[in-house]
Amino acid sequence: MATITNFLSRPPSSLPTIPKTDLSLSSFLPCSSTLLAFPKPRPLTRLQTSFSTDQTQHFVAKAAATSGTPKVISDERVQKVHSIEEFDEALQMASNKLVVVEYAASHSRKSSKIYPFMVDLSRTCNDVEFLLVMGDESEKTRELCKREKIDKVPHFSFYKSMEKIHEEEGIGPDQLVGDVLYYRDNHSGVVQLHHREDVEKLMADHKMDHKLIVLDVGLKNCGPCVKVYPTVIRLSKQMADTVVFARMNGDENDSCMQFLKDMKVVEVPTFLFIRDGKICGRYVGSGRGED
């Protein structure tokens, strides 16, 4: 779990708790995280200084061969970026959409191995923009990598409204999918809450039907929050008739942060259980063996 150290000097001594089995939370992966700390990267490939004019085309063909695809990957939804100017323009054009950037290199086997999975995501996630930056393509792409402090590949950065909200190095397909699910908004029956007023409206909307609201509270760069989220999505589909699932990132803005403080949330992920406008319980954590 990630600890929100700036909220309270100590956790509240008596908080209502829902047993783990109520939402099958005991099946989650064990994990722990420190706020705003990225996971330790696996051995990666350092960018080289040699350049060629067809690095990107060669990389795509290599990625297709690595994935076992008999033909070149159809990656028309992945925008190839060749300079700082193109990169900044792509972020600006995306507006508030999620932008996923893979920094790669033609000589990196890990880069070519993960690329087909990003292509698959680009086909199914039409509300997400995907960019590819070949660090060894030219001097211009090397300047871009230098500005973004990228010296090892593969490296993934996630942006919204031109702000970098997350980044990881050396991740596998499952982690990439999990990250996209977590930072993408329009993808499931999980209601996205961005302000305290959104929570109050959701509670008011379901006072009459008495539906249980499960509010998943997390942080942008919380590893456990990202890992547990695919399960939240699955449960939201299975329980759509009786339960409303919602999510809020506490560090999205001051309104969200104040809401977490008022709710005495000191660790994330925390699941708040709300019925008839009142919090009736909570579950803290995402892994087996946590209290």
C-alpha atoms as a PDB file:
ATOM      1  CA  MET A   1       0.000   0.000   0.000  1.00  0.00           C
ATOM      2  CA  ALA A   2       1.030   3.590  -0.453  1.00  0.00           C
ATOM      3  CA  THR A   3       0.919   5.804   2.606  1.00  0.00           C
ATOM      4  CA  ILE A   4      -0.450   9.333   2.464  1.00  0.00           C
ATOM      5  CA  THR A   5       1.874  10.810   5.043  1.00  0.00           C
ATOM      6  CA  ASN A   6       0.616  14.386   4.853  1.00  0.00           C
ATOM      7  CA  PHE A   7      -2.953  13.629   5.877  1.00  0.00           C
ATOM      8  CA  LEU A   8      -2.978  12.593   9.511  1.00  0.00           C
ATOM      9  CA  SER A   9      -0.342  12.185  12.185  1.00  0.00           C
ATOM     10  CA  ARG A  10      -1.748   8.731  12.910  1.00  0.00           C
ATOM     11  CA  PRO A  11      -4.481   6.497  11.450  1.00  0.00           C
ATOM     12  CA  PRO A  12      -7.855   6.632  13.171  1.00  0.00           C
ATOM     13  CA  SER A  13      -8.128   3.997  15.882  1.00  0.00           C
ATOM     14  CA  SER A  14     -11.580   2.682  14.993  1.00  0.00           C
ATOM     15  CA  LEU A  15     -12.722   2.439  11.398  1.00  0.00           C
ATOM     16  CA  PRO A  16     -15.480   0.132  10.152  1.00  0.00           C
ATOM     17  CA  THR A  17     -14.028  -2.726   8.139  1.00  0.00           C
ATOM     18  CA  ILE A  18     -15.590  -4.975   5.510  1.00  0.00           C
ATOM     19  CA  PRO A  19     -14.243  -8.572   5.423  1.00  0.00           C
ATOM     20  CA  LYS A  20     -11.985  -9.253   2.457  1.00  0.00           C
ATOM     21  CA  THR A  21     -14.274 -11.981   1.113  1.00  0.00           C
ATOM     22  CA  ASP A  22     -17.140  -9.535   0.540  1.00  0.00           C
ATOM     23  CA  LEU A  23     -15.594  -8.344  -2.727  1.00  0.00           C
ATOM     24  CA  SER A  24     -13.151 -11.189  -3.400  1.00  0.00           C
ATOM     25  CA  LEU A  25     -10.343  -8.786  -2.512  1.00  0.00           C
ATOM     26  CA  SER A  26      -8.285 -11.609  -1.005  1.00  0.00           C
ATOM     27  CA  SER A  27      -7.491 -12.826  -4.516  1.00  0.00           C
ATOM     28  CA  PHE A  28      -5.547  -9.665  -5.385  1.00  0.00           C
ATOM     29  CA  LEU A  29      -1.810  -9.762  -5.948  1.00  0.00           C
ATOM     30  CA  PRO A  30       0.343  -8.956  -2.905  1.00  0.00           C
ATOM     31  CA  CYS A  31       2.186  -5.710  -3.394  1.00  0.00           C
ATOM     32  CA  SER A  32       3.406  -2.574  -1.672  1.00  0.00           C
ATOM     33  CA  SER A  33       4.297   0.885  -2.869  1.00  0.00           C
ATOM     34  CA  THR A  34       5.707   4.246  -1.832  1.00  0.00           C
ATOM     35  CA  LEU A  35       3.955   7.395  -2.985  1.00  0.00           C
ATOM     36  CA  LEU A  36       5.368   8.767  -6.258  1.00  0.00           C
ATOM     37  CA  ALA A  37       8.102   6.107  -6.435  1.00  0.00           C
ATOM     38  CA  PHE A  38       8.483   4.194  -9.678  1.00  0.00           C
ATOM     39  CA  PRO A  39       9.279   0.460  -9.569  1.00  0.00           C
ATOM     40  CA  LYS A  40      12.921  -0.545  -9.897  1.00  0.00           C
ATOM     41  CA  PRO A  41      13.569  -1.021 -13.636  1.00  0.00           C
ATOM     42  CA  ARG A  42      14.688  -4.298 -15.089  1.00  0.00           C
ATOM     43  CA  PRO A  43      17.921  -4.428 -17.097  1.00  0.00           C
ATOM     44  CA  LEU A  44      17.265  -2.224 -20.105  1.00  0.00           C
ATOM     45  CA  THR A  45      18.975  -1.200 -23.293  1.00  0.00           C
ATOM     46  CA  ARG A  46      20.838   2.096 -23.292  1.00  0.00           C
ATOM     47  CA  LEU A  47      20.324   4.370 -26.262  1.00  0.00           C
ATOM     48  CA  GLN A  48      23.150   4.282 -28.754  1.00  0.00           C
ATOM     49  CA  THR A  49      24.552   7.116 -30.814  1.00  0.00           C
ATOM     50  CA  SER A  50      24.377   5.569 -34.287  1.00  0.00           C
ATOM     51  CA  PHE A  51      21.597   6.759 -36.572  1.00  0.00           C
ATOM     52  CA  SER A  52      19.935   5.662 -39.792  1.00  0.00           C
ATOM     53  CA  THR A  53      17.068   7.020 -41.858  1.00  0.00           C
ATOM     54  CA  ASP A  54      14.885   3.892 -41.762  1.00  0.00           C
ATOM     55  CA  GLN A  55      15.136   2.959 -38.084  1.00  0.00           C
ATOM     56  CA  THR A  56      11.382   3.129 -37.478  1.00  0.00           C
ATOM     57  CA  GLN A  57      10.470   0.968 -40.479  1.00  0.00           C
ATOM     58  CA  HIS A  58      13.106  -1.576 -39.476  1.00  0.00           C
ATOM     59  CA  PHE A  59      11.839  -1.561 -35.879  1.00  0.00           C
ATOM     60  CA  VAL A  60       8.213  -2.253 -36.903  1.00  0.00           C
ATOM     61  CA  ALA A  61       9.291  -5.143 -39.130  1.00  0.00           C
ATOM     62  CA  LYS A  62      11.437  -6.529 -36.315  1.00  0.00           C
ATOM     63  CA  ALA A  63       8.539  -6.225 -33.877  1.00  0.00           C
ATOM     64  CA  ALA A  64       6.284  -8.161 -36.254  1.00  0.00           C
ATOM     65  CA  ALA A  65       8.869 -10.925 -36.512  1.00  0.00           C
ATOM     66  CA  THR A  66       9.289 -11.026 -32.743  1.00  0.00           C
ATOM     67  CA  SER A  67       5.545 -11.369 -32.182  1.00  0.00           C
ATOM     68  CA  GLY A  68       5.285 -14.212 -34.677  1.00  0.00           C
ATOM     69  CA  THR A  69       3.091 -12.184 -37.020  1.00  0.00           C
ATOM     70  CA  PRO A  70       3.645 -13.276 -40.637  1.00  0.00           C
ATOM     71  CA  LYS A  71       3.201  -9.758 -41.975  1.00  0.00           C
ATOM     72  CA  VAL A  72       4.166  -6.247 -40.948  1.00  0.00           C
ATOM     73  CA  ILE A  73       2.134  -4.967 -37.999  1.00  0.00           C
ATOM     74  CA  SER A  74      -0.765  -2.719 -38.971  1.00  0.00           C
ATOM     75  CA  ASP A  75       0.042   0.097 -36.578  1.00  0.00           C
ATOM     76  CA  GLU A  76      -1.641   3.059 -38.240  1.00  0.00           C
ATOM     77  CA  ARG A  77      -3.083   4.256 -34.908  1.00  0.00           C
ATOM     78  CA  VAL A  78       0.381   4.586 -33.393  1.00  0.00           C
ATOM     79  CA  GLN A  79       1.788   7.995 -34.301  1.00  0.00           C
ATOM     80  CA  LYS A  80       5.519   8.071 -35.025  1.00  0.00           C
ATOM     81  CA  VAL A  81       7.148  11.157 -33.565  1.00  0.00           C
ATOM     82  CA  HIS A  82      10.394  12.449 -35.058  1.00  0.00           C
ATOM     83  CA  SER A  83      11.127  15.673 -33.174  1.00  0.00           C
ATOM     84  CA  ILE A  84      10.378  17.750 -30.093  1.00  0.00           C
ATOM     85  CA  GLU A  85       8.016  19.915 -32.131  1.00  0.00           C
ATOM     86  CA  GLU A  86       5.982  16.913 -33.322  1.00  0.00           C
ATOM     87  CA  PHE A  87       5.904  15.508 -29.799  1.00  0.00           C
ATOM     88  CA  ASP A  88       4.602  18.721 -28.219  1.00  0.00           C
ATOM     89  CA  GLU A  89       2.042  19.153 -30.985  1.00  0.00           C
ATOM     90  CA  ALA A  90       0.758  15.584 -30.486  1.00  0.00           C
ATOM     91  CA  LEU A  91       0.287  16.177 -26.757  1.00  0.00           C
ATOM     92  CA  GLN A  92      -1.501  19.447 -27.418  1.00  0.00           C
ATOM     93  CA  MET A  93      -3.812  17.892 -30.025  1.00  0.00           C
ATOM     94  CA  ALA A  94      -4.724  15.065 -27.628  1.00  0.00           C
ATOM     95  CA  SER A  95      -6.179  17.615 -25.181  1.00  0.00           C
ATOM     96  CA  ASN A  96      -7.408  15.727 -22.090  1.00  0.00           C
ATOM     97  CA  LYS A  97      -7.141  12.268 -23.672  1.00  0.00           C
ATOM     98  CA  LEU A  98      -4.678   9.779 -22.259  1.00  0.00           C
ATOM     99  CA  VAL A  99      -1.459   9.688 -24.303  1.00  0.00           C
ATOM    100  CA  VAL A 100       0.806   6.626 -24.075  1.00  0.00           C
ATOM    101  CA  VAL A 101       4.365   7.107 -25.342  1.00  0.00           C
ATOM    102  CA  GLU A 102       6.795   4.268 -25.977  1.00  0.00           C
ATOM    103  CA  TYR A 103      10.439   5.291 -26.193  1.00  0.00           C
ATOM    104  CA  ALA A 104      12.236   2.560 -28.137  1.00  0.00           C
ATOM    105  CA  ALA A 105      15.401   1.804 -30.070  1.00  0.00           C
ATOM    106  CA  SER A 106      15.949  -0.271 -33.187  1.00  0.00           C
ATOM    107  CA  HIS A 107      18.597  -2.448 -31.506  1.00  0.00           C
ATOM    108  CA  SER A 108      16.489  -3.177 -28.402  1.00  0.00           C
ATOM    109  CA  ARG A 109      14.845  -6.591 -28.377  1.00  0.00           C
ATOM    110  CA  LYS A 110      12.727  -5.617 -25.353  1.00  0.00           C
ATOM    111  CA  SER A 111      11.382  -2.600 -27.244  1.00  0.00           C
ATOM    112  CA  SER A 112      10.364  -4.644 -30.268  1.00  0.00           C
ATOM    113  CA  LYS A 113       8.857  -7.351 -28.065  1.00  0.00           C
ATOM    114  CA  ILE A 114       6.485  -5.018 -26.200  1.00  0.00           C
ATOM    115  CA  TYR A 115       5.544  -2.894 -29.231  1.00  0.00           C
ATOM    116  CA  PRO A 116       2.968  -5.344 -30.738  1.00  0.00           C
ATOM    117  CA  PHE A 117       1.017  -5.235 -27.468  1.00  0.00           C
ATOM    118  CA  MET A 118       0.863  -1.445 -27.656  1.00  0.00           C
ATOM    119  CA  VAL A 119      -0.401  -1.778 -31.233  1.00  0.00           C
ATOM    120  CA  ASP A 120      -3.151  -4.144 -30.074  1.00  0.00           C
ATOM    121  CA  LEU A 121      -4.174  -1.643 -27.402  1.00  0.00           C
ATOM    122  CA  SER A 122      -4.284   1.145 -29.982  1.00  0.00           C
ATOM    123  CA  ARG A 123      -6.878  -0.828 -31.958  1.00  0.00           C
ATOM    124  CA  THR A 124      -9.221  -1.346 -29.009  1.00  0.00           C
ATOM    125  CA  CYS A 125      -8.711   1.924 -27.102  1.00  0.00           C
ATOM    126  CA  ASN A 126      -9.972   4.550 -29.505  1.00  0.00           C
ATOM    127  CA  ASP A 127     -10.076   7.172 -26.763  1.00  0.00           C
ATOM    128  CA  VAL A 128      -6.321   6.844 -26.109  1.00  0.00           C
ATOM    129  CA  GLU A 129      -3.529   8.274 -28.244  1.00  0.00           C
ATOM    130  CA  PHE A 130      -0.378   6.188 -28.740  1.00  0.00           C
ATOM    131  CA  LEU A 131       3.016   7.608 -29.732  1.00  0.00           C
ATOM    132  CA  LEU A 132       6.273   5.906 -30.708  1.00  0.00           C
ATOM    133  CA  VAL A 133       9.625   7.664 -30.322  1.00  0.00           C
ATOM    134  CA  MET A 134      12.664   5.901 -31.786  1.00  0.00           C
ATOM    135  CA  GLY A 135      15.531   7.242 -29.706  1.00  0.00           C
ATOM    136  CA  ASP A 136      18.204   6.199 -32.202  1.00  0.00           C
ATOM    137  CA  GLU A 137      16.371   7.408 -35.313  1.00  0.00           C
ATOM    138  CA  SER A 138      18.012  10.834 -35.589  1.00  0.00           C
ATOM    139  CA  GLU A 139      19.621  13.661 -33.687  1.00  0.00           C
ATOM    140  CA  LYS A 140      16.172  15.215 -33.245  1.00  0.00           C
ATOM    141  CA  THR A 141      14.724  12.171 -31.489  1.00  0.00           C
ATOM    142  CA  ARG A 142      17.821  11.966 -29.322  1.00  0.00           C
ATOM    143  CA  GLU A 143      17.257  15.593 -28.290  1.00  0.00           C
ATOM    144  CA  LEU A 144      13.667  14.699 -27.392  1.00  0.00           C
ATOM    145  CA  CYS A 145      14.835  11.759 -25.263  1.00  0.00           C
ATOM    146  CA  LYS A 146      17.386  13.996 -23.574  1.00  0.00           C
ATOM    147  CA  ARG A 147      14.732  16.594 -22.725  1.00  0.00           C
ATOM    148  CA  GLU A 148      12.451  13.898 -21.304  1.00  0.00           C
ATOM    149  CA  LYS A 149      15.381  12.312 -19.417  1.00  0.00           C
ATOM    150  CA  ILE A 150      15.098   8.984 -21.260  1.00  0.00           C
ATOM    151  CA  ASP A 151      18.372   7.064 -21.442  1.00  0.00           C
ATOM    152  CA  LYS A 152      17.099   3.470 -21.338  1.00  0.00           C
ATOM    153  CA  VAL A 153      14.442   1.677 -23.381  1.00  0.00           C
ATOM    154  CA  PRO A 154      11.756   0.491 -23.472  1.00  0.00           C
ATOM    155  CA  HIS A 155      10.313   3.355 -21.455  1.00  0.00           C
ATOM    156  CA  PHE A 156       6.619   4.239 -21.240  1.00  0.00           C
ATOM    157  CA  SER A 157       5.303   7.664 -20.269  1.00  0.00           C
ATOM    158  CA  PHE A 158       1.645   8.549 -19.738  1.00  0.00           C
ATOM    159  CA  TYR A 159       0.291  12.062 -20.281  1.00  0.00           C
ATOM    160  CA  LYS A 160      -2.998  13.925 -19.796  1.00  0.00           C
ATOM    161  CA  SER A 161      -3.519  17.567 -20.695  1.00  0.00           C
ATOM    162  CA  MET A 162       0.212  17.769 -21.584  1.00  0.00           C
ATOM    163  CA  GLU A 163       1.131  16.713 -18.023  1.00  0.00           C
ATOM    164  CA  LYS A 164       3.146  13.566 -17.371  1.00  0.00           C
ATOM    165  CA  ILE A 165       1.108  11.543 -14.887  1.00  0.00           C
ATOM    166  CA  HIS A 166       3.025   8.252 -14.802  1.00  0.00           C
ATOM    167  CA  GLU A 167       6.042   6.470 -16.267  1.00  0.00           C
ATOM    168  CA  GLU A 168       7.596   3.017 -16.116  1.00  0.00           C
ATOM    169  CA  GLU A 169      10.593   1.191 -17.558  1.00  0.00           C
ATOM    170  CA  GLY A 170      10.968  -2.412 -18.650  1.00  0.00           C
ATOM    171  CA  ILE A 171       7.324  -3.382 -18.092  1.00  0.00           C
ATOM    172  CA  GLY A 172       5.603  -6.418 -19.577  1.00  0.00           C
ATOM    173  CA  PRO A 173       2.303  -6.689 -21.494  1.00  0.00           C
ATOM    174  CA  ASP A 174       0.146  -7.202 -18.377  1.00  0.00           C
ATOM    175  CA  GLN A 175       1.581  -4.122 -16.690  1.00  0.00           C
ATOM    176  CA  LEU A 176       1.104  -2.056 -19.846  1.00  0.00           C
ATOM    177  CA  VAL A 177      -2.541  -3.092 -20.134  1.00  0.00           C
ATOM    178  CA  GLY A 178      -3.090  -2.414 -16.434  1.00  0.00           C
ATOM    179  CA  ASP A 179      -1.581   1.059 -16.707  1.00  0.00           C
ATOM    180  CA  VAL A 180      -3.735   1.947 -19.714  1.00  0.00           C
ATOM    181  CA  LEU A 181      -6.871   0.715 -17.923  1.00  0.00           C
ATOM    182  CA  TYR A 182      -6.019   2.725 -14.817  1.00  0.00           C
ATOM    183  CA  TYR A 183      -5.240   6.047 -16.472  1.00  0.00           C
ATOM    184  CA  ARG A 184      -7.885   5.829 -19.172  1.00  0.00           C
ATOM    185  CA  ASP A 185     -11.293   7.313 -18.359  1.00  0.00           C
ATOM    186  CA  ASN A 186     -13.930   6.048 -20.804  1.00  0.00           C
ATOM    187  CA  HIS A 187     -13.483   2.307 -20.649  1.00  0.00           C
ATOM    188  CA  SER A 188     -15.897   0.586 -18.278  1.00  0.00           C
ATOM    189  CA  GLY A 189     -18.791   0.844 -15.890  1.00  0.00           C
ATOM    190  CA  VAL A 190     -16.557   2.418 -13.235  1.00  0.00           C
ATOM    191  CA  VAL A 191     -17.708   6.003 -12.643  1.00  0.00           C
ATOM    192  CA  GLN A 192     -14.795   8.451 -12.758  1.00  0.00           C
ATOM    193  CA  LEU A 193     -14.955  11.091 -10.012  1.00  0.00           C
ATOM    194  CA  HIS A 194     -12.840  14.233 -10.323  1.00  0.00           C
ATOM    195  CA  HIS A 195     -14.207  16.489  -7.570  1.00  0.00           C
ATOM    196  CA  ARG A 196     -15.905  16.216  -4.188  1.00  0.00           C
ATOM    197  CA  GLU A 197     -19.112  17.409  -5.841  1.00  0.00           C
ATOM    198  CA  ASP A 198     -19.010  14.335  -8.119  1.00  0.00           C
ATOM    199  CA  VAL A 199     -19.056  12.082  -5.039  1.00  0.00           C
ATOM    200  CA  GLU A 200     -21.949  13.967  -3.480  1.00  0.00           C
ATOM    201  CA  LYS A 201     -23.957  13.793  -6.710  1.00  0.00           C
ATOM    202  CA  LEU A 202     -23.319  10.054  -7.056  1.00  0.00           C
ATOM    203  CA  MET A 203     -24.481   9.475  -3.476  1.00  0.00           C
ATOM    204  CA  ALA A 204     -27.607  11.545  -4.063  1.00  0.00           C
ATOM    205  CA  ASP A 205     -28.399   9.710  -7.317  1.00  0.00           C
ATOM    206  CA  HIS A 206     -28.480   6.349  -5.539  1.00  0.00           C
ATOM    207  CA  LYS A 207     -30.290   7.234  -2.324  1.00  0.00           C
ATOM    208  CA  MET A 208     -33.594   6.182  -3.829  1.00  0.00           C
ATOM    209  CA  ASP A 209     -32.514   2.858  -5.356  1.00  0.00           C
ATOM    210  CA  HIS A 210     -30.444   1.929  -2.264  1.00  0.00           C
ATOM    211  CA  LYS A 211     -27.602   0.596  -4.404  1.00  0.00           C
ATOM    212  CA  LEU A 212     -24.267  -0.019  -2.729  1.00  0.00           C
ATOM    213  CA  ILE A 213     -21.524   2.322  -3.977  1.00  0.00           C
ATOM    214  CA  VAL A 214     -17.956   1.014  -3.889  1.00  0.00           C
ATOM    215  CA  LEU A 215     -15.544   3.949  -4.166  1.00  0.00           C
ATOM    216  CA  ASP A 216     -11.973   2.983  -5.108  1.00  0.00           C
ATOM    217  CA  VAL A 217      -9.654   5.693  -3.777  1.00  0.00           C
ATOM    218  CA  GLY A 218      -6.083   5.767  -5.103  1.00  0.00           C
ATOM    219  CA  LEU A 219      -3.203   7.937  -6.285  1.00  0.00           C
ATOM    220  CA  LYS A 220      -1.745   8.535  -9.725  1.00  0.00           C
ATOM    221  CA  ASN A 221       1.570   6.792  -9.147  1.00  0.00           C
ATOM    222  CA  CYS A 222       0.453   4.064  -6.742  1.00  0.00           C
ATOM    223  CA  GLY A 223       1.547   0.626  -7.970  1.00  0.00           C
ATOM    224  CA  PRO A 224      -0.981  -1.332  -5.858  1.00  0.00           C
ATOM    225  CA  CYS A 225      -3.788   0.955  -7.076  1.00  0.00           C
ATOM    226  CA  VAL A 226      -2.894   0.196 -10.698  1.00  0.00           C
ATOM    227  CA  LYS A 227      -2.636  -3.549 -10.093  1.00  0.00           C
ATOM    228  CA  VAL A 228      -5.972  -3.863  -8.326  1.00  0.00           C
ATOM    229  CA  TYR A 229      -7.921  -1.815 -10.878  1.00  0.00           C
ATOM    230  CA  PRO A 230      -8.515  -4.551 -13.514  1.00  0.00           C
ATOM    231  CA  THR A 231     -10.283  -6.543 -10.776  1.00  0.00           C
ATOM    232  CA  VAL A 232     -12.405  -3.500  -9.962  1.00  0.00           C
ATOM    233  CA  ILE A 233     -13.413  -3.319 -13.630  1.00  0.00           C
ATOM    234  CA  ARG A 234     -14.277  -7.030 -13.689  1.00  0.00           C
ATOM    235  CA  LEU A 235     -16.398  -6.742 -10.535  1.00  0.00           C
ATOM    236  CA  SER A 236     -18.182  -3.671 -11.909  1.00  0.00           C
ATOM    237  CA  LYS A 237     -19.362  -5.744 -14.876  1.00  0.00           C
ATOM    238  CA  GLN A 238     -20.400  -8.724 -12.763  1.00  0.00           C
ATOM    239  CA  MET A 239     -22.342  -6.642 -10.211  1.00  0.00           C
ATOM    240  CA  ALA A 240     -23.740  -3.925 -12.462  1.00  0.00           C
ATOM    241  CA  ASP A 241     -27.345  -4.596 -11.388  1.00  0.00           C
ATOM    242  CA  THR A 242     -26.761  -4.209  -7.667  1.00  0.00           C
ATOM    243  CA  VAL A 243     -23.503  -2.284  -7.093  1.00  0.00           C
ATOM    244  CA  VAL A 244     -22.130   1.012  -8.452  1.00  0.00           C
ATOM    245  CA  PHE A 245     -18.339   1.142  -8.713  1.00  0.00           C
ATOM    246  CA  ALA A 246     -16.549   4.492  -8.769  1.00  0.00           C
ATOM    247  CA  ARG A 247     -12.976   5.725  -8.607  1.00  0.00           C
ATOM    248  CA  MET A 248     -11.127   8.838  -7.458  1.00  0.00           C
ATOM    249  CA  ASN A 249      -7.434   9.725  -7.557  1.00  0.00           C
ATOM    250  CA  GLY A 250      -6.757  11.732  -4.428  1.00  0.00           C
ATOM    251  CA  ASP A 251      -3.864  13.665  -5.926  1.00  0.00           C
ATOM    252  CA  GLU A 252      -5.769  14.797  -9.016  1.00  0.00           C
ATOM    253  CA  ASN A 253      -6.619  18.160  -7.463  1.00  0.00           C
ATOM    254  CA  ASP A 254      -7.151  19.952  -4.129  1.00  0.00           C
ATOM    255  CA  SER A 255     -10.832  19.017  -4.003  1.00  0.00           C
ATOM    256  CA  CYS A 256     -10.042  15.289  -4.206  1.00  0.00           C
ATOM    257  CA  MET A 257      -7.235  15.590  -1.676  1.00  0.00           C
ATOM    258  CA  GLN A 258      -9.488  17.361   0.805  1.00  0.00           C
ATOM    259  CA  PHE A 259     -12.151  14.693   0.343  1.00  0.00           C
ATOM    260  CA  LEU A 260      -9.657  11.948   1.208  1.00  0.00           C
ATOM    261  CA  LYS A 261      -8.584  13.879   4.284  1.00  0.00           C
ATOM    262  CA  ASP A 262     -12.175  14.336   5.415  1.00  0.00           C
ATOM    263  CA  MET A 263     -12.815  10.622   4.937  1.00  0.00           C
ATOM    264  CA  LYS A 264      -9.727   9.832   7.057  1.00  0.00           C
ATOM    265  CA  VAL A 265      -8.041   7.958   4.209  1.00  0.00           C
ATOM    266  CA  VAL A 266      -4.382   7.494   5.166  1.00  0.00           C
ATOM    267  CA  GLU A 267      -3.392   4.588   2.883  1.00  0.00           C
ATOM    268  CA  VAL A 268      -4.285   3.633  -0.669  1.00  0.00           C
ATOM    269  CA  PRO A 269      -5.901   1.838  -2.235  1.00  0.00           C
ATOM    270  CA  THR A 270      -8.857   2.281   0.100  1.00  0.00           C
ATOM    271  CA  PHE A 271     -12.348   1.064  -0.826  1.00  0.00           C
ATOM    272  CA  LEU A 272     -15.199   3.039   0.728  1.00  0.00           C
ATOM    273  CA  PHE A 273     -18.597   1.302   0.890  1.00  0.00           C
ATOM    274  CA  ILE A 274     -21.480   3.782   0.705  1.00  0.00           C
ATOM    275  CA  ARG A 275     -25.210   3.111   0.948  1.00  0.00           C
ATOM    276  CA  ASP A 276     -28.086   5.575   1.351  1.00  0.00           C
ATOM    277  CA  GLY A 277     -25.635   8.474   1.447  1.00  0.00           C
ATOM    278  CA  LYS A 278     -23.598   7.085   4.344  1.00  0.00           C
ATOM    279  CA  ILE A 279     -20.253   5.274   4.557  1.00  0.00           C
ATOM    280  CA  CYS A 280     -21.059   1.840   5.967  1.00  0.00           C
ATOM    281  CA  GLY A 281     -17.562   0.327   5.796  1.00  0.00           C
ATOM    282  CA  ARG A 282     -14.158   0.331   4.191  1.00  0.00           C
ATOM    283  CA  TYR A 283     -11.410  -2.013   3.028  1.00  0.00           C
ATOM    284  CA  VAL A 284      -7.777  -0.916   3.011  1.00  0.00           C
ATOM    285  CA  GLY A 285      -5.196  -2.650   0.822  1.00  0.00           C
ATOM    286  CA  SER A 286      -4.930  -4.742  -2.309  1.00  0.00           C
ATOM    287  CA  GLY A 287      -2.976  -7.893  -1.433  1.00  0.00           C
ATOM    288  CA  ARG A 288      -3.258 -11.187   0.381  1.00  0.00           C
ATOM    289  CA  GLY A 289      -2.222 -11.116   3.987  1.00  0.00           C
ATOM    290  CA  GLU A 290      -3.016  -7.442   4.561  1.00  0.00           C
ATOM    291  CA  ASP A 291      -5.242  -6.426   7.460  1.00  0.00           C
END
